[in-house]
Amino acid sequence: MEIIVDKISKDKKHQFWNNKIYQCQRLNIPHTLYKNKAEYLKNKHKHTNDYIIMTEYDYNPVMVREYIKHDSSVGIGLIIFDDGIFITEPWKQVIQNNKFIGSYYPHELDIDTINKIKTEAYRIAKVMSITGYRGAAGIDFLLNGKDVYFCEVNARKQVSTVGASKVMEAEYSISFYELENMGSLPELKKSGEYNNSWKITLVKNKFYFEEYK
C-alpha cells in the first residue's frame, strides 16, 4: 500500500510530506500498515507498546510504529533549494500530555548530539528534495541519551522557526524568511554570535515569543 506521488504538483507534494505513512515509506522507517481500522483491531494484540497513528475514518489505513523511549525531543528547521539545503540550529521542545506547548534555545546539547541531529536532518532533506520538495520545513527528533530518532516531518515553517530566525540574523545577518525567499542558496559566512536566549510558550491557545539575555 505505497503512496506514489512522483508525478503530482509541488503543492501536492508538500501535502503528502505531512502524511506520516508517506514519511515512513519514503524514509524507510520501520512500521506496520493495516488497510483499515477493522484489520488493525484484529491484530491489536501484537502492538501493546507501539505508537498508533489512526485517522478519524474507520476505512482509512492505520499505521503502527514502534514506541521510542526518549528523554526529550528537539526540532530543527530547513530550507530546500534547487542547489542546496540550509539547516538551522536545533531547539528543545516542551511537550506536555503529548501536546507541543513551546520550545527554547539554547538547547544545552553537546556537539556530538547536534552533529547527529544535523546529519540525520540533511539525509531526510535530501530524500525530500529528490521527490521535488522545495522551500521550508521542520523535522522533529526524539532523544534517548545520545541516541537520535526520527519523529516526524512538518512540511511547513513551524512556530519555533521564529526563534531559529533570530539566531540566523545574529550569526549570518539574514533571517530564515529572507533566505527562504532568495530562491537559491547563497554562500553564507558566519559573521557573529547569538548571545541571547529565546523561548516560545503556549498560553490560552496562542504562542508567545520572548527573547532575553
N, C-alpha and C. Protein backbone atom coordinates (compact mmCIF):
# COMPACT_ATOMS: atom_id res chain seq x y z
N MET A 1 0.85 -1.19 0.00
CA MET A 1 0.00 0.00 0.00
C MET A 1 0.89 1.24 0.00
N GLU A 2 1.71 1.38 -1.01
CA GLU A 2 2.64 2.50 -1.07
C GLU A 2 1.99 3.72 -1.70
N ILE A 3 2.28 4.88 -1.15
CA ILE A 3 1.77 6.13 -1.70
C ILE A 3 2.79 6.66 -2.70
N ILE A 4 2.40 6.79 -3.96
CA ILE A 4 3.29 7.26 -5.02
C ILE A 4 2.84 8.64 -5.47
N VAL A 5 3.74 9.62 -5.40
CA VAL A 5 3.34 10.99 -5.75
C VAL A 5 4.36 11.65 -6.68
N ASP A 6 5.13 10.88 -7.39
CA ASP A 6 6.20 11.46 -8.20
C ASP A 6 5.70 12.42 -9.28
N LYS A 7 4.49 12.20 -9.77
CA LYS A 7 4.02 12.97 -10.92
C LYS A 7 3.00 14.05 -10.56
N ILE A 8 2.84 14.33 -9.28
CA ILE A 8 1.87 15.37 -8.92
C ILE A 8 2.59 16.69 -8.66
N SER A 9 1.82 17.75 -8.49
CA SER A 9 2.38 19.10 -8.41
C SER A 9 3.18 19.32 -7.13
N LYS A 10 3.95 20.40 -7.14
CA LYS A 10 4.78 20.76 -5.99
C LYS A 10 3.93 20.94 -4.74
N ASP A 11 2.81 21.68 -4.85
CA ASP A 11 1.98 21.92 -3.69
C ASP A 11 1.43 20.62 -3.12
N LYS A 12 1.03 19.72 -3.99
CA LYS A 12 0.52 18.43 -3.53
C LYS A 12 1.61 17.63 -2.85
N LYS A 13 2.84 17.73 -3.36
CA LYS A 13 3.94 17.00 -2.75
C LYS A 13 4.17 17.50 -1.32
N HIS A 14 4.02 18.81 -1.11
CA HIS A 14 4.14 19.35 0.24
C HIS A 14 3.09 18.73 1.13
N GLN A 15 1.87 18.58 0.63
CA GLN A 15 0.80 17.98 1.42
C GLN A 15 1.13 16.54 1.77
N PHE A 16 1.69 15.80 0.82
CA PHE A 16 1.99 14.40 1.09
C PHE A 16 3.09 14.26 2.13
N TRP A 17 4.02 15.20 2.18
CA TRP A 17 5.07 15.11 3.19
C TRP A 17 4.53 15.38 4.59
N ASN A 18 3.30 15.82 4.72
CA ASN A 18 2.65 15.92 6.03
C ASN A 18 1.95 14.62 6.40
N ASN A 19 1.96 13.66 5.50
CA ASN A 19 1.33 12.36 5.74
C ASN A 19 2.36 11.42 6.37
N LYS A 20 2.08 10.95 7.58
CA LYS A 20 3.06 10.16 8.32
C LYS A 20 3.32 8.80 7.66
N ILE A 21 2.33 8.24 6.99
CA ILE A 21 2.56 6.98 6.27
C ILE A 21 3.55 7.21 5.14
N TYR A 22 3.33 8.28 4.39
CA TYR A 22 4.24 8.62 3.28
C TYR A 22 5.65 8.85 3.80
N GLN A 23 5.78 9.57 4.93
CA GLN A 23 7.09 9.82 5.52
C GLN A 23 7.82 8.52 5.82
N CYS A 24 7.14 7.58 6.46
CA CYS A 24 7.78 6.32 6.83
C CYS A 24 8.16 5.51 5.60
N GLN A 25 7.32 5.54 4.58
CA GLN A 25 7.62 4.80 3.36
C GLN A 25 8.83 5.40 2.65
N ARG A 26 8.86 6.72 2.52
CA ARG A 26 9.96 7.38 1.81
C ARG A 26 11.28 7.29 2.57
N LEU A 27 11.20 7.34 3.90
CA LEU A 27 12.41 7.40 4.72
C LEU A 27 12.82 6.03 5.26
N ASN A 28 12.09 4.99 4.85
CA ASN A 28 12.40 3.62 5.29
C ASN A 28 12.37 3.47 6.81
N ILE A 29 11.37 4.09 7.44
CA ILE A 29 11.18 3.96 8.87
C ILE A 29 10.35 2.70 9.12
N PRO A 30 10.81 1.76 9.95
CA PRO A 30 10.05 0.53 10.19
C PRO A 30 8.63 0.83 10.70
N HIS A 31 7.66 0.18 10.11
CA HIS A 31 6.27 0.38 10.51
C HIS A 31 5.44 -0.78 9.98
N THR A 32 4.25 -0.91 10.54
CA THR A 32 3.27 -1.88 10.05
C THR A 32 2.05 -1.11 9.60
N LEU A 33 1.55 -1.47 8.42
CA LEU A 33 0.42 -0.74 7.85
C LEU A 33 -0.76 -1.69 7.66
N TYR A 34 -1.91 -1.30 8.21
CA TYR A 34 -3.14 -2.05 8.02
C TYR A 34 -4.07 -1.25 7.14
N LYS A 35 -4.85 -1.95 6.32
CA LYS A 35 -5.66 -1.26 5.32
C LYS A 35 -6.81 -0.48 5.92
N ASN A 36 -7.25 -0.84 7.13
CA ASN A 36 -8.32 -0.09 7.79
C ASN A 36 -8.34 -0.41 9.28
N LYS A 37 -9.23 0.25 10.00
CA LYS A 37 -9.31 0.08 11.45
C LYS A 37 -9.69 -1.34 11.84
N ALA A 38 -10.57 -1.95 11.09
CA ALA A 38 -11.01 -3.31 11.41
C ALA A 38 -9.85 -4.30 11.36
N GLU A 39 -9.01 -4.17 10.31
CA GLU A 39 -7.87 -5.06 10.19
C GLU A 39 -6.88 -4.83 11.33
N TYR A 40 -6.69 -3.57 11.70
CA TYR A 40 -5.80 -3.27 12.83
C TYR A 40 -6.32 -3.89 14.12
N LEU A 41 -7.62 -3.77 14.38
CA LEU A 41 -8.18 -4.28 15.63
C LEU A 41 -8.01 -5.80 15.75
N LYS A 42 -8.00 -6.49 14.63
CA LYS A 42 -7.77 -7.94 14.65
C LYS A 42 -6.34 -8.26 15.09
N ASN A 43 -5.44 -7.32 14.88
CA ASN A 43 -4.03 -7.54 15.19
C ASN A 43 -3.52 -6.66 16.34
N LYS A 44 -4.43 -6.01 17.01
CA LYS A 44 -4.08 -5.06 18.05
C LYS A 44 -3.20 -5.68 19.13
N HIS A 45 -3.41 -6.94 19.44
CA HIS A 45 -2.67 -7.61 20.50
C HIS A 45 -1.16 -7.67 20.21
N LYS A 46 -0.78 -7.47 18.96
CA LYS A 46 0.63 -7.52 18.59
C LYS A 46 1.36 -6.21 18.91
N HIS A 47 0.61 -5.17 19.24
CA HIS A 47 1.20 -3.82 19.32
C HIS A 47 0.90 -3.14 20.65
N THR A 48 1.03 -3.85 21.74
CA THR A 48 0.64 -3.29 23.04
C THR A 48 1.48 -2.09 23.45
N ASN A 49 2.74 -2.04 23.04
CA ASN A 49 3.61 -0.93 23.45
C ASN A 49 4.00 -0.03 22.28
N ASP A 50 3.32 -0.16 21.16
CA ASP A 50 3.69 0.60 19.98
C ASP A 50 2.91 1.90 19.87
N TYR A 51 3.35 2.73 18.94
CA TYR A 51 2.73 4.02 18.68
C TYR A 51 1.76 3.87 17.52
N ILE A 52 0.50 4.21 17.76
CA ILE A 52 -0.54 4.01 16.77
C ILE A 52 -0.90 5.33 16.11
N ILE A 53 -0.96 5.34 14.78
CA ILE A 53 -1.40 6.52 14.04
C ILE A 53 -2.68 6.14 13.31
N MET A 54 -3.79 6.72 13.76
CA MET A 54 -5.09 6.34 13.23
C MET A 54 -5.90 7.60 12.90
N THR A 55 -6.57 7.60 11.76
CA THR A 55 -7.41 8.74 11.39
C THR A 55 -8.80 8.57 11.99
N GLU A 56 -9.61 9.59 11.86
CA GLU A 56 -10.97 9.51 12.40
C GLU A 56 -11.88 8.64 11.53
N TYR A 57 -11.44 8.26 10.35
CA TYR A 57 -12.28 7.48 9.45
C TYR A 57 -11.91 5.99 9.54
N ASP A 58 -12.89 5.15 9.79
CA ASP A 58 -12.64 3.73 10.00
C ASP A 58 -12.08 3.03 8.77
N TYR A 59 -12.36 3.59 7.56
CA TYR A 59 -11.94 2.91 6.34
C TYR A 59 -10.53 3.32 5.90
N ASN A 60 -9.91 4.28 6.58
CA ASN A 60 -8.57 4.73 6.20
C ASN A 60 -7.49 3.80 6.76
N PRO A 61 -6.29 3.80 6.17
CA PRO A 61 -5.21 2.96 6.69
C PRO A 61 -4.83 3.32 8.12
N VAL A 62 -4.32 2.34 8.84
CA VAL A 62 -3.80 2.53 10.20
C VAL A 62 -2.34 2.13 10.19
N MET A 63 -1.48 3.03 10.67
CA MET A 63 -0.05 2.74 10.72
C MET A 63 0.39 2.55 12.16
N VAL A 64 1.26 1.58 12.38
CA VAL A 64 1.80 1.30 13.71
C VAL A 64 3.32 1.40 13.64
N ARG A 65 3.88 2.22 14.53
CA ARG A 65 5.33 2.34 14.66
C ARG A 65 5.76 1.95 16.06
N GLU A 66 6.97 1.47 16.16
CA GLU A 66 7.49 1.14 17.48
C GLU A 66 7.57 2.40 18.34
N TYR A 67 7.14 2.30 19.58
CA TYR A 67 7.27 3.42 20.50
C TYR A 67 8.73 3.58 20.89
N ILE A 68 9.25 4.79 20.77
CA ILE A 68 10.65 5.07 21.10
C ILE A 68 10.73 5.69 22.49
N LYS A 69 11.36 4.98 23.39
CA LYS A 69 11.58 5.56 24.71
C LYS A 69 12.53 6.75 24.56
N HIS A 70 12.18 7.89 25.16
CA HIS A 70 13.01 9.07 24.97
C HIS A 70 12.98 9.98 26.19
N ASP A 71 14.05 10.77 26.31
CA ASP A 71 14.17 11.72 27.41
C ASP A 71 13.62 13.08 27.04
N SER A 72 13.76 13.44 25.77
CA SER A 72 13.35 14.77 25.32
C SER A 72 13.15 14.76 23.81
N SER A 73 12.68 15.87 23.29
CA SER A 73 12.51 15.99 21.85
C SER A 73 13.05 17.33 21.38
N VAL A 74 13.52 17.35 20.15
CA VAL A 74 14.07 18.57 19.56
C VAL A 74 13.48 18.77 18.18
N GLY A 75 13.51 20.01 17.73
CA GLY A 75 13.11 20.33 16.36
C GLY A 75 14.24 21.03 15.65
N ILE A 76 14.18 21.00 14.32
CA ILE A 76 15.19 21.69 13.52
C ILE A 76 14.52 22.18 12.25
N GLY A 77 14.90 23.35 11.78
CA GLY A 77 14.32 23.91 10.56
C GLY A 77 15.25 23.74 9.38
N LEU A 78 14.67 23.74 8.20
CA LEU A 78 15.48 23.63 6.99
C LEU A 78 14.79 24.31 5.82
N ILE A 79 15.59 24.66 4.83
CA ILE A 79 15.08 25.20 3.57
C ILE A 79 15.74 24.42 2.44
N ILE A 80 14.92 23.87 1.57
CA ILE A 80 15.42 23.07 0.45
C ILE A 80 15.35 23.90 -0.83
N PHE A 81 16.50 24.11 -1.44
CA PHE A 81 16.61 24.83 -2.71
C PHE A 81 16.96 23.85 -3.82
N ASP A 82 16.91 24.33 -5.06
CA ASP A 82 17.37 23.50 -6.17
C ASP A 82 18.85 23.17 -6.05
N ASP A 83 19.61 24.12 -5.48
CA ASP A 83 21.06 23.98 -5.46
C ASP A 83 21.64 23.74 -4.08
N GLY A 84 20.83 23.40 -3.10
CA GLY A 84 21.39 23.12 -1.78
C GLY A 84 20.34 23.08 -0.69
N ILE A 85 20.81 22.81 0.51
CA ILE A 85 19.94 22.68 1.68
C ILE A 85 20.54 23.48 2.82
N PHE A 86 19.72 24.32 3.46
CA PHE A 86 20.16 25.05 4.64
C PHE A 86 19.47 24.45 5.86
N ILE A 87 20.25 24.23 6.93
CA ILE A 87 19.71 23.66 8.16
C ILE A 87 20.01 24.58 9.33
N THR A 88 19.02 24.85 10.15
CA THR A 88 19.17 25.75 11.30
C THR A 88 19.82 25.01 12.47
N GLU A 89 20.03 25.75 13.54
CA GLU A 89 20.39 25.13 14.81
C GLU A 89 19.13 24.45 15.39
N PRO A 90 19.31 23.34 16.10
CA PRO A 90 18.14 22.69 16.71
C PRO A 90 17.65 23.45 17.94
N TRP A 91 16.40 23.21 18.30
CA TRP A 91 15.82 23.79 19.51
C TRP A 91 15.18 22.69 20.33
N LYS A 92 15.14 22.88 21.63
CA LYS A 92 14.48 21.91 22.51
C LYS A 92 12.98 22.19 22.51
N GLN A 93 12.20 21.13 22.53
CA GLN A 93 10.75 21.24 22.55
C GLN A 93 10.21 20.94 23.95
N VAL A 94 9.10 21.58 24.27
CA VAL A 94 8.40 21.31 25.53
C VAL A 94 7.10 20.59 25.18
N ILE A 95 6.98 19.35 25.62
CA ILE A 95 5.82 18.52 25.32
C ILE A 95 5.11 18.19 26.63
N GLN A 96 3.80 18.36 26.62
CA GLN A 96 3.01 18.04 27.81
C GLN A 96 1.77 17.27 27.38
N ASN A 97 1.60 16.08 27.93
CA ASN A 97 0.47 15.22 27.55
C ASN A 97 0.40 15.02 26.04
N ASN A 98 1.58 14.75 25.46
CA ASN A 98 1.71 14.51 24.02
C ASN A 98 1.33 15.71 23.16
N LYS A 99 1.35 16.90 23.76
CA LYS A 99 1.00 18.12 23.03
C LYS A 99 2.16 19.10 23.09
N PHE A 100 2.50 19.70 21.94
CA PHE A 100 3.55 20.70 21.88
C PHE A 100 3.06 21.99 22.53
N ILE A 101 3.78 22.46 23.56
CA ILE A 101 3.35 23.68 24.24
C ILE A 101 4.45 24.76 24.24
N GLY A 102 5.57 24.49 23.56
CA GLY A 102 6.60 25.51 23.49
C GLY A 102 7.96 24.95 23.13
N SER A 103 8.94 25.85 23.07
CA SER A 103 10.31 25.46 22.75
C SER A 103 11.26 26.53 23.28
N TYR A 104 12.55 26.18 23.30
CA TYR A 104 13.51 27.16 23.79
C TYR A 104 14.90 26.90 23.22
N TYR A 105 15.72 27.94 23.31
CA TYR A 105 17.11 27.93 22.84
C TYR A 105 17.90 28.88 23.72
N PRO A 106 19.11 28.57 24.19
CA PRO A 106 19.94 27.45 23.75
C PRO A 106 19.43 26.11 24.28
N HIS A 107 19.85 25.06 23.58
CA HIS A 107 19.29 23.75 23.82
C HIS A 107 20.11 22.91 24.78
N GLU A 108 21.34 23.33 25.10
CA GLU A 108 22.22 22.63 26.03
C GLU A 108 22.57 21.21 25.54
N LEU A 109 22.66 21.05 24.25
CA LEU A 109 23.04 19.77 23.67
C LEU A 109 24.54 19.76 23.39
N ASP A 110 25.18 18.62 23.54
CA ASP A 110 26.61 18.54 23.24
C ASP A 110 26.81 18.48 21.73
N ILE A 111 28.02 18.77 21.31
CA ILE A 111 28.31 18.92 19.88
C ILE A 111 28.08 17.62 19.11
N ASP A 112 28.37 16.48 19.73
CA ASP A 112 28.16 15.19 19.05
C ASP A 112 26.68 14.96 18.75
N THR A 113 25.82 15.28 19.72
CA THR A 113 24.39 15.11 19.53
C THR A 113 23.87 16.07 18.47
N ILE A 114 24.36 17.31 18.49
CA ILE A 114 23.96 18.29 17.48
C ILE A 114 24.34 17.80 16.09
N ASN A 115 25.56 17.27 15.96
CA ASN A 115 26.01 16.77 14.65
C ASN A 115 25.16 15.59 14.18
N LYS A 116 24.77 14.71 15.11
CA LYS A 116 23.90 13.59 14.75
C LYS A 116 22.56 14.09 14.24
N ILE A 117 21.99 15.08 14.93
CA ILE A 117 20.70 15.65 14.53
C ILE A 117 20.80 16.28 13.14
N LYS A 118 21.86 17.08 12.93
CA LYS A 118 22.01 17.76 11.65
C LYS A 118 22.28 16.77 10.51
N THR A 119 23.05 15.73 10.79
CA THR A 119 23.34 14.72 9.77
C THR A 119 22.06 14.00 9.35
N GLU A 120 21.25 13.62 10.33
CA GLU A 120 20.00 12.94 10.01
C GLU A 120 19.02 13.88 9.32
N ALA A 121 18.99 15.14 9.76
CA ALA A 121 18.12 16.13 9.11
C ALA A 121 18.52 16.31 7.65
N TYR A 122 19.81 16.35 7.38
CA TYR A 122 20.29 16.50 6.00
C TYR A 122 19.91 15.29 5.15
N ARG A 123 20.04 14.09 5.73
CA ARG A 123 19.66 12.88 5.00
C ARG A 123 18.18 12.92 4.61
N ILE A 124 17.35 13.32 5.55
CA ILE A 124 15.91 13.39 5.30
C ILE A 124 15.60 14.47 4.26
N ALA A 125 16.26 15.62 4.40
CA ALA A 125 16.05 16.71 3.44
C ALA A 125 16.44 16.31 2.03
N LYS A 126 17.50 15.49 1.89
CA LYS A 126 17.91 15.02 0.56
C LYS A 126 16.81 14.15 -0.06
N VAL A 127 16.20 13.30 0.75
CA VAL A 127 15.09 12.47 0.24
C VAL A 127 13.92 13.36 -0.17
N MET A 128 13.61 14.34 0.64
CA MET A 128 12.53 15.27 0.31
C MET A 128 12.83 16.01 -0.99
N SER A 129 14.08 16.42 -1.14
CA SER A 129 14.49 17.14 -2.34
C SER A 129 14.32 16.29 -3.59
N ILE A 130 14.69 15.01 -3.50
CA ILE A 130 14.57 14.10 -4.64
C ILE A 130 13.13 13.96 -5.10
N THR A 131 12.19 14.04 -4.16
CA THR A 131 10.77 13.93 -4.52
C THR A 131 10.22 15.24 -5.10
N GLY A 132 11.04 16.29 -5.12
CA GLY A 132 10.60 17.57 -5.67
C GLY A 132 10.22 18.61 -4.65
N TYR A 133 10.40 18.30 -3.36
CA TYR A 133 10.05 19.27 -2.31
C TYR A 133 11.01 20.45 -2.36
N ARG A 134 10.45 21.65 -2.28
CA ARG A 134 11.24 22.87 -2.21
C ARG A 134 10.64 23.80 -1.17
N GLY A 135 11.51 24.54 -0.48
CA GLY A 135 11.03 25.50 0.50
C GLY A 135 11.30 25.07 1.93
N ALA A 136 10.56 25.68 2.85
CA ALA A 136 10.80 25.48 4.28
C ALA A 136 10.11 24.23 4.80
N ALA A 137 10.71 23.65 5.83
CA ALA A 137 10.13 22.50 6.52
C ALA A 137 10.76 22.41 7.90
N GLY A 138 10.21 21.56 8.73
CA GLY A 138 10.78 21.30 10.04
C GLY A 138 10.78 19.80 10.29
N ILE A 139 11.73 19.35 11.08
CA ILE A 139 11.81 17.93 11.43
C ILE A 139 11.93 17.82 12.94
N ASP A 140 11.15 16.91 13.52
CA ASP A 140 11.22 16.65 14.96
C ASP A 140 11.96 15.33 15.20
N PHE A 141 12.79 15.34 16.24
CA PHE A 141 13.54 14.14 16.62
C PHE A 141 13.31 13.84 18.10
N LEU A 142 13.45 12.57 18.45
CA LEU A 142 13.40 12.13 19.84
C LEU A 142 14.81 11.80 20.29
N LEU A 143 15.15 12.17 21.51
CA LEU A 143 16.48 11.90 22.06
C LEU A 143 16.36 10.95 23.24
N ASN A 144 17.16 9.89 23.20
CA ASN A 144 17.28 8.98 24.32
C ASN A 144 18.76 8.89 24.67
N GLY A 145 19.18 9.69 25.66
CA GLY A 145 20.60 9.85 25.91
C GLY A 145 21.24 10.54 24.72
N LYS A 146 22.23 9.90 24.11
CA LYS A 146 22.88 10.47 22.93
C LYS A 146 22.35 9.88 21.62
N ASP A 147 21.35 9.02 21.73
CA ASP A 147 20.74 8.42 20.54
C ASP A 147 19.67 9.34 19.97
N VAL A 148 19.64 9.47 18.65
CA VAL A 148 18.72 10.37 17.95
C VAL A 148 17.79 9.54 17.07
N TYR A 149 16.48 9.76 17.21
CA TYR A 149 15.49 9.01 16.44
C TYR A 149 14.55 9.97 15.72
N PHE A 150 14.23 9.64 14.49
CA PHE A 150 13.28 10.43 13.71
C PHE A 150 11.89 10.33 14.32
N CYS A 151 11.21 11.48 14.41
CA CYS A 151 9.82 11.51 14.88
C CYS A 151 8.88 11.82 13.71
N GLU A 152 9.01 13.03 13.13
CA GLU A 152 8.13 13.39 12.02
C GLU A 152 8.66 14.59 11.26
N VAL A 153 8.16 14.73 10.04
CA VAL A 153 8.40 15.91 9.21
C VAL A 153 7.18 16.80 9.28
N ASN A 154 7.41 18.10 9.40
CA ASN A 154 6.35 19.10 9.26
C ASN A 154 6.64 19.89 7.99
N ALA A 155 5.83 19.70 6.98
CA ALA A 155 6.10 20.29 5.67
C ALA A 155 5.65 21.75 5.63
N ARG A 156 6.29 22.56 6.46
CA ARG A 156 5.91 23.96 6.59
C ARG A 156 6.89 24.62 7.56
N LYS A 157 6.80 25.94 7.66
CA LYS A 157 7.52 26.62 8.74
C LYS A 157 6.80 26.29 10.06
N GLN A 158 7.57 26.24 11.14
CA GLN A 158 7.00 25.93 12.44
C GLN A 158 6.98 27.15 13.33
N VAL A 159 6.27 27.06 14.43
CA VAL A 159 6.24 28.16 15.40
C VAL A 159 7.66 28.51 15.83
N SER A 160 8.47 27.49 16.08
CA SER A 160 9.83 27.70 16.57
C SER A 160 10.76 28.30 15.53
N THR A 161 10.33 28.36 14.27
CA THR A 161 11.14 29.00 13.23
C THR A 161 11.42 30.45 13.57
N VAL A 162 10.50 31.09 14.30
CA VAL A 162 10.70 32.49 14.72
C VAL A 162 11.99 32.61 15.53
N GLY A 163 12.18 31.71 16.49
CA GLY A 163 13.39 31.75 17.30
C GLY A 163 14.63 31.39 16.51
N ALA A 164 14.52 30.36 15.66
CA ALA A 164 15.66 29.97 14.83
C ALA A 164 16.10 31.12 13.93
N SER A 165 15.14 31.89 13.46
CA SER A 165 15.45 33.02 12.60
C SER A 165 16.25 34.09 13.34
N LYS A 166 15.95 34.28 14.63
CA LYS A 166 16.70 35.24 15.44
C LYS A 166 18.17 34.84 15.54
N VAL A 167 18.42 33.54 15.69
CA VAL A 167 19.80 33.06 15.75
C VAL A 167 20.49 33.31 14.41
N MET A 168 19.79 33.04 13.32
CA MET A 168 20.36 33.26 11.98
C MET A 168 20.71 34.72 11.75
N GLU A 169 19.84 35.63 12.17
CA GLU A 169 20.08 37.06 11.97
C GLU A 169 21.37 37.48 12.66
N ALA A 170 21.60 36.95 13.88
CA ALA A 170 22.81 37.31 14.62
C ALA A 170 24.05 36.67 14.02
N GLU A 171 23.93 35.44 13.54
CA GLU A 171 25.10 34.70 13.10
C GLU A 171 25.43 34.87 11.62
N TYR A 172 24.39 35.08 10.79
CA TYR A 172 24.60 35.18 9.34
C TYR A 172 24.08 36.48 8.72
N SER A 173 23.52 37.35 9.55
CA SER A 173 22.98 38.65 9.09
C SER A 173 21.86 38.46 8.06
N ILE A 174 21.13 37.39 8.18
CA ILE A 174 19.98 37.15 7.31
C ILE A 174 18.96 36.32 8.08
N SER A 175 17.68 36.62 7.91
CA SER A 175 16.66 35.87 8.62
C SER A 175 16.27 34.62 7.84
N PHE A 176 15.63 33.70 8.50
CA PHE A 176 15.12 32.49 7.85
C PHE A 176 14.20 32.85 6.70
N TYR A 177 13.35 33.84 6.93
CA TYR A 177 12.33 34.21 5.94
C TYR A 177 12.96 34.89 4.73
N GLU A 178 13.98 35.72 4.96
CA GLU A 178 14.70 36.34 3.84
C GLU A 178 15.41 35.29 3.00
N LEU A 179 16.04 34.34 3.68
CA LEU A 179 16.76 33.28 2.96
C LEU A 179 15.80 32.42 2.14
N GLU A 180 14.66 32.10 2.73
CA GLU A 180 13.68 31.27 2.02
C GLU A 180 13.23 31.92 0.72
N ASN A 181 13.12 33.23 0.71
CA ASN A 181 12.62 33.96 -0.46
C ASN A 181 13.70 34.22 -1.52
N MET A 182 14.93 33.82 -1.27
CA MET A 182 16.00 34.11 -2.22
C MET A 182 15.97 33.19 -3.44
N GLY A 183 15.36 32.03 -3.31
CA GLY A 183 15.22 31.16 -4.47
C GLY A 183 16.40 30.23 -4.71
N SER A 184 17.57 30.59 -4.20
CA SER A 184 18.75 29.73 -4.31
C SER A 184 19.59 29.93 -3.05
N LEU A 185 20.45 28.97 -2.76
CA LEU A 185 21.23 29.03 -1.53
C LEU A 185 22.52 29.80 -1.76
N PRO A 186 22.67 30.98 -1.14
CA PRO A 186 23.91 31.75 -1.31
C PRO A 186 25.02 31.18 -0.43
N GLU A 187 26.21 31.66 -0.62
CA GLU A 187 27.31 31.29 0.26
C GLU A 187 27.17 32.09 1.55
N LEU A 188 26.96 31.39 2.64
CA LEU A 188 26.74 32.04 3.93
C LEU A 188 27.99 31.94 4.78
N LYS A 189 28.43 33.07 5.31
CA LYS A 189 29.59 33.10 6.19
C LYS A 189 29.16 33.63 7.55
N LYS A 190 29.59 32.93 8.59
CA LYS A 190 29.21 33.33 9.93
C LYS A 190 29.86 34.68 10.26
N SER A 191 29.02 35.63 10.69
CA SER A 191 29.51 36.98 10.92
C SER A 191 29.35 37.43 12.37
N GLY A 192 28.79 36.58 13.21
CA GLY A 192 28.57 36.97 14.60
C GLY A 192 28.12 35.79 15.44
N GLU A 193 27.74 36.08 16.69
CA GLU A 193 27.27 35.06 17.61
C GLU A 193 25.92 35.48 18.19
N TYR A 194 25.07 34.51 18.44
CA TYR A 194 23.81 34.78 19.11
C TYR A 194 24.03 34.58 20.60
N ASN A 195 24.00 35.66 21.36
CA ASN A 195 24.32 35.62 22.79
C ASN A 195 23.09 35.70 23.69
N ASN A 196 21.90 35.72 23.09
CA ASN A 196 20.67 35.77 23.86
C ASN A 196 20.06 34.38 24.00
N SER A 197 18.93 34.31 24.64
CA SER A 197 18.12 33.10 24.71
C SER A 197 16.72 33.44 24.23
N TRP A 198 15.98 32.43 23.78
CA TRP A 198 14.58 32.67 23.41
C TRP A 198 13.73 31.49 23.85
N LYS A 199 12.47 31.78 24.04
CA LYS A 199 11.52 30.70 24.34
C LYS A 199 10.17 31.05 23.74
N ILE A 200 9.44 30.02 23.41
CA ILE A 200 8.09 30.15 22.88
C ILE A 200 7.17 29.37 23.79
N THR A 201 6.10 30.00 24.22
CA THR A 201 5.20 29.39 25.20
C THR A 201 3.76 29.47 24.71
N LEU A 202 3.02 28.38 24.90
CA LEU A 202 1.60 28.35 24.55
C LEU A 202 0.79 28.82 25.75
N VAL A 203 0.01 29.89 25.55
CA VAL A 203 -0.87 30.42 26.59
C VAL A 203 -2.25 30.65 26.00
N LYS A 204 -3.24 29.92 26.50
CA LYS A 204 -4.63 30.07 26.04
C LYS A 204 -4.72 29.98 24.51
N ASN A 205 -4.11 28.92 23.97
CA ASN A 205 -4.18 28.61 22.54
C ASN A 205 -3.45 29.61 21.65
N LYS A 206 -2.60 30.45 22.25
CA LYS A 206 -1.77 31.36 21.47
C LYS A 206 -0.31 31.19 21.87
N PHE A 207 0.58 31.25 20.88
CA PHE A 207 2.01 31.12 21.17
C PHE A 207 2.63 32.50 21.34
N TYR A 208 3.47 32.64 22.35
CA TYR A 208 4.14 33.90 22.63
C TYR A 208 5.65 33.70 22.57
N PHE A 209 6.31 34.62 21.85
CA PHE A 209 7.77 34.56 21.70
C PHE A 209 8.42 35.56 22.64
N GLU A 210 9.45 35.13 23.33
CA GLU A 210 10.18 36.01 24.25
C GLU A 210 11.68 35.82 24.04
N GLU A 211 12.38 36.92 23.91
CA GLU A 211 13.84 36.89 23.74
C GLU A 211 14.44 37.63 24.94
N TYR A 212 15.50 37.06 25.51
CA TYR A 212 16.09 37.66 26.69
C TYR A 212 17.58 37.30 26.77
N LYS A 213 18.31 38.05 27.58
CA LYS A 213 19.75 37.84 27.74
C LYS A 213 20.01 36.88 28.88
